[in-house]
């Protein structure tokens, strides 16, 4: 079973011209760039942009992030960065790119087939198939 990252219900919000968020930054702590809360905030901003953003002609909207650390380039690309000032990062991301990112599964566990059925019973034929592949 894959872990779920809880997200708020975005349907209760109106369309937004700009999304502004403060990203946590624990740098120079070890593992600061693997902070789950930091990932969750960035995924929420991207999802909110796709679902509640008011997209301009050309499919772009305004996203402003406040952080000492650079936002994830996997979500907010360098070529979509308009500028920085101090700890402020101003982006104009393309909707289709953000939409691709937020619809992808967060972990590889979402891509794998389950070994158990919905009743918790182990699926034996899949195991046999994997054993045959391993023996080759």
C-alpha atoms as a PDB file:
ATOM      1  CA  UNK A   1       0.000   0.000   0.000  1.00  0.00           C
ATOM      2  CA  UNK A   2       1.354   3.415  -0.957  1.00  0.00           C
ATOM      3  CA  UNK A   3       1.571   6.213   1.599  1.00  0.00           C
ATOM      4  CA  UNK A   4      -0.892   9.046   1.026  1.00  0.00           C
ATOM      5  CA  UNK A   5       0.071  12.702   1.304  1.00  0.00           C
ATOM      6  CA  UNK A   6      -3.006  14.496   2.664  1.00  0.00           C
ATOM      7  CA  UNK A   7      -4.149  17.437   0.555  1.00  0.00           C
ATOM      8  CA  UNK A   8      -6.882  19.966   1.330  1.00  0.00           C
ATOM      9  CA  UNK A   9     -10.113  20.134  -0.661  1.00  0.00           C
ATOM     10  CA  UNK A  10      -9.369  22.740  -3.334  1.00  0.00           C
ATOM     11  CA  UNK A  11     -12.903  22.801  -4.725  1.00  0.00           C
ATOM     12  CA  UNK A  12     -14.016  25.226  -2.023  1.00  0.00           C
ATOM     13  CA  UNK A  13     -11.653  27.953  -3.321  1.00  0.00           C
ATOM     14  CA  UNK A  14     -12.385  30.440  -6.111  1.00  0.00           C
ATOM     15  CA  UNK A  15     -10.130  30.965  -9.135  1.00  0.00           C
ATOM     16  CA  UNK A  16      -6.873  32.706  -8.199  1.00  0.00           C
ATOM     17  CA  UNK A  17      -4.835  35.201 -10.213  1.00  0.00           C
ATOM     18  CA  UNK A  18      -1.647  34.432  -8.260  1.00  0.00           C
ATOM     19  CA  UNK A  19      -0.585  31.771  -5.794  1.00  0.00           C
ATOM     20  CA  UNK A  20       1.829  32.778  -3.028  1.00  0.00           C
ATOM     21  CA  UNK A  21       3.296  30.258  -0.602  1.00  0.00           C
ATOM     22  CA  UNK A  22       6.047  30.073   1.988  1.00  0.00           C
ATOM     23  CA  UNK A  23       8.257  27.003   1.590  1.00  0.00           C
ATOM     24  CA  UNK A  24      10.069  25.628   4.624  1.00  0.00           C
ATOM     25  CA  UNK A  25      13.849  25.447   4.329  1.00  0.00           C
ATOM     26  CA  UNK A  26      15.976  23.518   6.808  1.00  0.00           C
ATOM     27  CA  UNK A  27      19.241  24.018   4.932  1.00  0.00           C
ATOM     28  CA  UNK A  28      22.076  23.341   5.843  1.00  0.00           C
ATOM     29  CA  UNK A  29      20.590  20.428   7.841  1.00  0.00           C
ATOM     30  CA  UNK A  30      21.312  17.046   6.325  1.00  0.00           C
ATOM     31  CA  UNK A  31      18.400  15.856   4.192  1.00  0.00           C
ATOM     32  CA  UNK A  32      16.734  19.291   4.026  1.00  0.00           C
ATOM     33  CA  UNK A  33      15.858  18.718   0.363  1.00  0.00           C
ATOM     34  CA  UNK A  34      13.985  15.497   1.279  1.00  0.00           C
ATOM     35  CA  UNK A  35      11.642  17.172   3.746  1.00  0.00           C
ATOM     36  CA  UNK A  36       8.158  15.682   3.230  1.00  0.00           C
ATOM     37  CA  UNK A  37       6.367  18.843   4.389  1.00  0.00           C
ATOM     38  CA  UNK A  38       8.386  20.900   1.887  1.00  0.00           C
ATOM     39  CA  UNK A  39       7.387  18.454  -0.869  1.00  0.00           C
ATOM     40  CA  UNK A  40       3.745  18.614   0.234  1.00  0.00           C
ATOM     41  CA  UNK A  41       3.662  22.424   0.096  1.00  0.00           C
ATOM     42  CA  UNK A  42       5.143  22.466  -3.405  1.00  0.00           C
ATOM     43  CA  UNK A  43       2.755  19.760  -4.640  1.00  0.00           C
ATOM     44  CA  UNK A  44      -0.153  21.696  -3.138  1.00  0.00           C
ATOM     45  CA  UNK A  45       0.943  24.906  -4.897  1.00  0.00           C
ATOM     46  CA  UNK A  46       1.251  23.061  -8.216  1.00  0.00           C
ATOM     47  CA  UNK A  47      -2.108  21.300  -7.760  1.00  0.00           C
ATOM     48  CA  UNK A  48      -3.792  24.534  -6.710  1.00  0.00           C
ATOM     49  CA  UNK A  49      -2.344  26.234  -9.783  1.00  0.00           C
ATOM     50  CA  UNK A  50      -3.709  23.556 -12.093  1.00  0.00           C
ATOM     51  CA  UNK A  51      -7.157  23.318 -10.482  1.00  0.00           C
ATOM     52  CA  UNK A  52      -7.789  26.862  -9.207  1.00  0.00           C
ATOM     53  CA  UNK A  53      -5.356  29.056 -11.118  1.00  0.00           C
ATOM     54  CA  UNK A  54      -6.571  31.710 -13.531  1.00  0.00           C
ATOM     55  CA  UNK A  55      -4.483  30.945 -16.577  1.00  0.00           C
ATOM     56  CA  UNK A  56      -3.504  33.759 -18.921  1.00  0.00           C
ATOM     57  CA  UNK A  57      -3.527  33.525 -22.683  1.00  0.00           C
ATOM     58  CA  UNK A  58      -0.706  31.138 -23.542  1.00  0.00           C
ATOM     59  CA  UNK A  59      -1.433  28.866 -20.577  1.00  0.00           C
ATOM     60  CA  UNK A  60       0.678  30.538 -17.893  1.00  0.00           C
ATOM     61  CA  UNK A  61      -0.111  31.830 -14.413  1.00  0.00           C
ATOM     62  CA  UNK A  62       1.760  33.564 -11.594  1.00  0.00           C
ATOM     63  CA  UNK A  63       3.319  31.629  -8.720  1.00  0.00           C
ATOM     64  CA  UNK A  64       5.402  33.338  -6.036  1.00  0.00           C
ATOM     65  CA  UNK A  65       7.323  31.298  -3.480  1.00  0.00           C
ATOM     66  CA  UNK A  66       9.096  32.598  -0.368  1.00  0.00           C
ATOM     67  CA  UNK A  67      12.042  30.454   0.677  1.00  0.00           C
ATOM     68  CA  UNK A  68      15.739  30.591   1.454  1.00  0.00           C
ATOM     69  CA  UNK A  69      16.095  27.384  -0.585  1.00  0.00           C
ATOM     70  CA  UNK A  70      15.464  27.030  -4.299  1.00  0.00           C
ATOM     71  CA  UNK A  71      12.111  25.389  -5.100  1.00  0.00           C
ATOM     72  CA  UNK A  72      12.077  21.945  -6.739  1.00  0.00           C
ATOM     73  CA  UNK A  73      13.186  22.288 -10.347  1.00  0.00           C
ATOM     74  CA  UNK A  74      11.113  19.195 -11.143  1.00  0.00           C
ATOM     75  CA  UNK A  75       7.962  21.264 -10.487  1.00  0.00           C
ATOM     76  CA  UNK A  76       9.095  24.850 -11.017  1.00  0.00           C
ATOM     77  CA  UNK A  77      11.529  24.864 -13.908  1.00  0.00           C
ATOM     78  CA  UNK A  78      14.404  27.312 -14.322  1.00  0.00           C
ATOM     79  CA  UNK A  79      13.117  28.475 -17.722  1.00  0.00           C
ATOM     80  CA  UNK A  80       9.790  29.411 -16.066  1.00  0.00           C
ATOM     81  CA  UNK A  81      11.535  31.543 -13.422  1.00  0.00           C
ATOM     82  CA  UNK A  82      10.837  35.215 -14.131  1.00  0.00           C
ATOM     83  CA  UNK A  83      13.068  36.536 -11.362  1.00  0.00           C
ATOM     84  CA  UNK A  84      14.198  36.462  -7.760  1.00  0.00           C
ATOM     85  CA  UNK A  85      14.588  39.130  -5.136  1.00  0.00           C
ATOM     86  CA  UNK A  86      16.047  38.090  -1.813  1.00  0.00           C
ATOM     87  CA  UNK A  87      14.097  35.002  -0.775  1.00  0.00           C
ATOM     88  CA  UNK A  88      11.253  35.583  -3.273  1.00  0.00           C
ATOM     89  CA  UNK A  89      10.994  33.324  -6.354  1.00  0.00           C
ATOM     90  CA  UNK A  90       8.610  34.482  -9.105  1.00  0.00           C
ATOM     91  CA  UNK A  91       7.522  31.864 -11.660  1.00  0.00           C
ATOM     92  CA  UNK A  92       5.175  31.809 -14.655  1.00  0.00           C
ATOM     93  CA  UNK A  93       4.734  28.047 -15.115  1.00  0.00           C
ATOM     94  CA  UNK A  94       2.980  26.466 -18.062  1.00  0.00           C
ATOM     95  CA  UNK A  95      -0.264  24.762 -17.097  1.00  0.00           C
ATOM     96  CA  UNK A  96       0.253  21.610 -19.142  1.00  0.00           C
ATOM     97  CA  UNK A  97       3.626  20.957 -17.481  1.00  0.00           C
ATOM     98  CA  UNK A  98       2.274  21.397 -13.973  1.00  0.00           C
ATOM     99  CA  UNK A  99      -0.734  19.278 -14.857  1.00  0.00           C
ATOM    100  CA  UNK A 100       1.575  16.462 -15.971  1.00  0.00           C
ATOM    101  CA  UNK A 101       3.470  16.618 -12.685  1.00  0.00           C
ATOM    102  CA  UNK A 102       0.476  16.613 -10.346  1.00  0.00           C
ATOM    103  CA  UNK A 103      -1.237  13.740 -12.162  1.00  0.00           C
ATOM    104  CA  UNK A 104       1.828  11.489 -11.920  1.00  0.00           C
ATOM    105  CA  UNK A 105       2.028   9.108  -8.961  1.00  0.00           C
ATOM    106  CA  UNK A 106       4.219  10.401  -6.126  1.00  0.00           C
ATOM    107  CA  UNK A 107       6.084   7.119  -5.655  1.00  0.00           C
ATOM    108  CA  UNK A 108       6.950   4.084  -7.694  1.00  0.00           C
ATOM    109  CA  UNK A 109       4.662   2.014  -5.480  1.00  0.00           C
ATOM    110  CA  UNK A 110       1.730   3.466  -7.445  1.00  0.00           C
ATOM    111  CA  UNK A 111       3.159   2.006 -10.639  1.00  0.00           C
ATOM    112  CA  UNK A 112       3.663  -1.544  -9.336  1.00  0.00           C
ATOM    113  CA  UNK A 113       0.929  -4.176  -9.426  1.00  0.00           C
ATOM    114  CA  UNK A 114      -0.299  -5.209  -5.981  1.00  0.00           C
ATOM    115  CA  UNK A 115       0.717  -8.593  -4.629  1.00  0.00           C
ATOM    116  CA  UNK A 116      -2.497  -8.806  -2.596  1.00  0.00           C
ATOM    117  CA  UNK A 117      -6.069  -8.673  -3.786  1.00  0.00           C
ATOM    118  CA  UNK A 118      -8.693  -6.413  -2.189  1.00  0.00           C
ATOM    119  CA  UNK A 119      -9.369  -9.049   0.510  1.00  0.00           C
ATOM    120  CA  UNK A 120      -5.730  -9.199   1.593  1.00  0.00           C
ATOM    121  CA  UNK A 121      -5.085 -12.564  -0.116  1.00  0.00           C
ATOM    122  CA  UNK A 122      -1.675 -13.062  -1.716  1.00  0.00           C
ATOM    123  CA  UNK A 123      -1.815 -13.381  -5.511  1.00  0.00           C
ATOM    124  CA  UNK A 124       0.132 -16.612  -6.231  1.00  0.00           C
ATOM    125  CA  UNK A 125       0.181 -16.554 -10.028  1.00  0.00           C
ATOM    126  CA  UNK A 126       2.078 -13.252 -10.027  1.00  0.00           C
ATOM    127  CA  UNK A 127       4.665 -14.750  -7.678  1.00  0.00           C
ATOM    128  CA  UNK A 128       5.066 -17.790  -9.940  1.00  0.00           C
ATOM    129  CA  UNK A 129       5.554 -15.517 -12.934  1.00  0.00           C
ATOM    130  CA  UNK A 130       8.209 -13.501 -11.086  1.00  0.00           C
ATOM    131  CA  UNK A 131       9.968 -16.724 -10.049  1.00  0.00           C
ATOM    132  CA  UNK A 132      10.076 -17.884 -13.666  1.00  0.00           C
ATOM    133  CA  UNK A 133      11.620 -14.587 -14.721  1.00  0.00           C
ATOM    134  CA  UNK A 134      14.203 -14.758 -11.927  1.00  0.00           C
ATOM    135  CA  UNK A 135      15.214 -18.318 -12.910  1.00  0.00           C
ATOM    136  CA  UNK A 136      15.986 -17.368 -16.540  1.00  0.00           C
END
